[in-house]
Every structure is written in C-alpha cells, then in structure tokens.
Amino acid sequence: MSEPNDASLGRAGFHARHQAQAREQAEQWLAQRERLQGRWFDWVASQLYQLSPPEYAAMVRRELQALTQ
C-alpha cells in the first residue's frame, strides 16, 4: 500500500490519492457482514489491525463508519 513518494504527498495528498481505494475496501468488508454475522466485527477489527500504513487503516475505518450510518 505505501509507496516511497507517499511521505512527500502530505496528509491531504495522501488522502486524495487513497480515498477511492479506502472506500472500495470498506465496501468489500461491509459486503462480508451478512456472511460472517456475529463474527463480522471481530473480523473487521483484525483486518484493520493488519492494514498499513496506520493512516490508511484510519481512512478505511472512517469509510466503514460512514457506510454503516
């Protein structure tokens, strides 16, 4: 996920560059909700924990929140 020039983008640039990917990731995980049912929350938490960099994981988490409200 992280590319060498991500550091030079700054926060806004990083967000703009990865926003669509974060939304797509959140939609894919949300699609697993019915299949996983009660295990979904723990599964998503473990998936978020594995994402890198942390800024991207936070973007995906925010997208999940927006999609479930």
Protein backbone atom coordinates (compact mmCIF):
# COMPACT_ATOMS: atom_id res chain seq x y z
CA MET A 1 0.00 0.00 0.00
CA SER A 2 2.67 2.50 0.99
CA GLU A 3 4.80 3.88 -1.82
CA PRO A 4 8.09 5.73 -1.48
CA ASN A 5 6.62 9.09 -2.50
CA ASP A 6 3.68 8.92 -0.08
CA ALA A 7 5.68 10.83 2.52
CA SER A 8 6.13 13.76 0.15
CA LEU A 9 2.38 13.99 -0.52
CA GLY A 10 1.45 15.35 2.86
CA ARG A 11 -1.76 14.46 4.64
CA ALA A 12 -4.16 15.96 2.10
CA GLY A 13 -2.31 14.44 -0.82
CA PHE A 14 -2.24 11.02 0.81
CA HIS A 15 -5.96 11.24 1.49
CA ALA A 16 -6.76 12.31 -2.07
CA ARG A 17 -4.58 9.58 -3.54
CA HIS A 18 -6.04 6.74 -1.46
CA GLN A 19 -9.64 7.84 -0.79
CA ALA A 20 -11.23 5.72 -3.54
CA GLN A 21 -9.24 2.65 -2.52
CA ALA A 22 -10.22 3.08 1.14
CA ARG A 23 -13.92 3.39 0.18
CA GLU A 24 -13.68 0.29 -2.01
CA GLN A 25 -12.01 -1.67 0.80
CA ALA A 26 -14.73 -0.63 3.25
CA GLU A 27 -17.46 -1.65 0.79
CA GLN A 28 -15.85 -5.06 0.28
CA TRP A 29 -15.66 -5.64 4.02
CA LEU A 30 -19.20 -4.47 4.53
CA ALA A 31 -20.31 -7.00 1.92
CA GLN A 32 -18.98 -9.73 4.23
CA ARG A 33 -21.24 -8.65 7.09
CA GLU A 34 -24.16 -10.94 6.30
CA ARG A 35 -21.94 -13.96 5.69
CA LEU A 36 -19.94 -13.51 8.90
CA GLN A 37 -22.86 -12.24 11.01
CA GLY A 38 -21.81 -12.05 14.68
CA ARG A 39 -18.14 -12.60 13.87
CA TRP A 40 -18.03 -9.67 11.45
CA PHE A 41 -17.00 -7.00 13.97
CA ASP A 42 -14.03 -9.01 15.27
CA TRP A 43 -13.06 -9.93 11.70
CA VAL A 44 -13.09 -6.27 10.61
CA ALA A 45 -11.06 -5.28 13.66
CA SER A 46 -8.40 -7.85 12.78
CA GLN A 47 -8.37 -6.70 9.15
CA LEU A 48 -7.92 -3.08 10.19
CA TYR A 49 -5.10 -4.06 12.54
CA GLN A 50 -3.24 -5.62 9.61
CA LEU A 51 -3.56 -2.61 7.29
CA SER A 52 -0.59 -0.38 6.73
CA PRO A 53 0.17 2.45 6.99
CA PRO A 54 -1.93 3.40 10.01
CA GLU A 55 -3.22 6.49 8.18
CA TYR A 56 -4.76 4.25 5.53
CA ALA A 57 -6.32 1.98 8.17
CA ALA A 58 -7.91 5.07 9.74
CA MET A 59 -9.31 6.07 6.36
CA VAL A 60 -10.89 2.64 5.88
CA ARG A 61 -12.32 2.74 9.41
CA ARG A 62 -13.89 6.14 8.74
CA GLU A 63 -15.36 4.86 5.47
CA LEU A 64 -16.86 1.88 7.27
CA GLN A 65 -18.43 4.22 9.80
CA ALA A 66 -19.87 6.41 7.08
CA LEU A 67 -21.30 3.45 5.19
CA THR A 68 -22.98 1.97 8.26
CA GLN A 69 -24.68 5.17 9.49
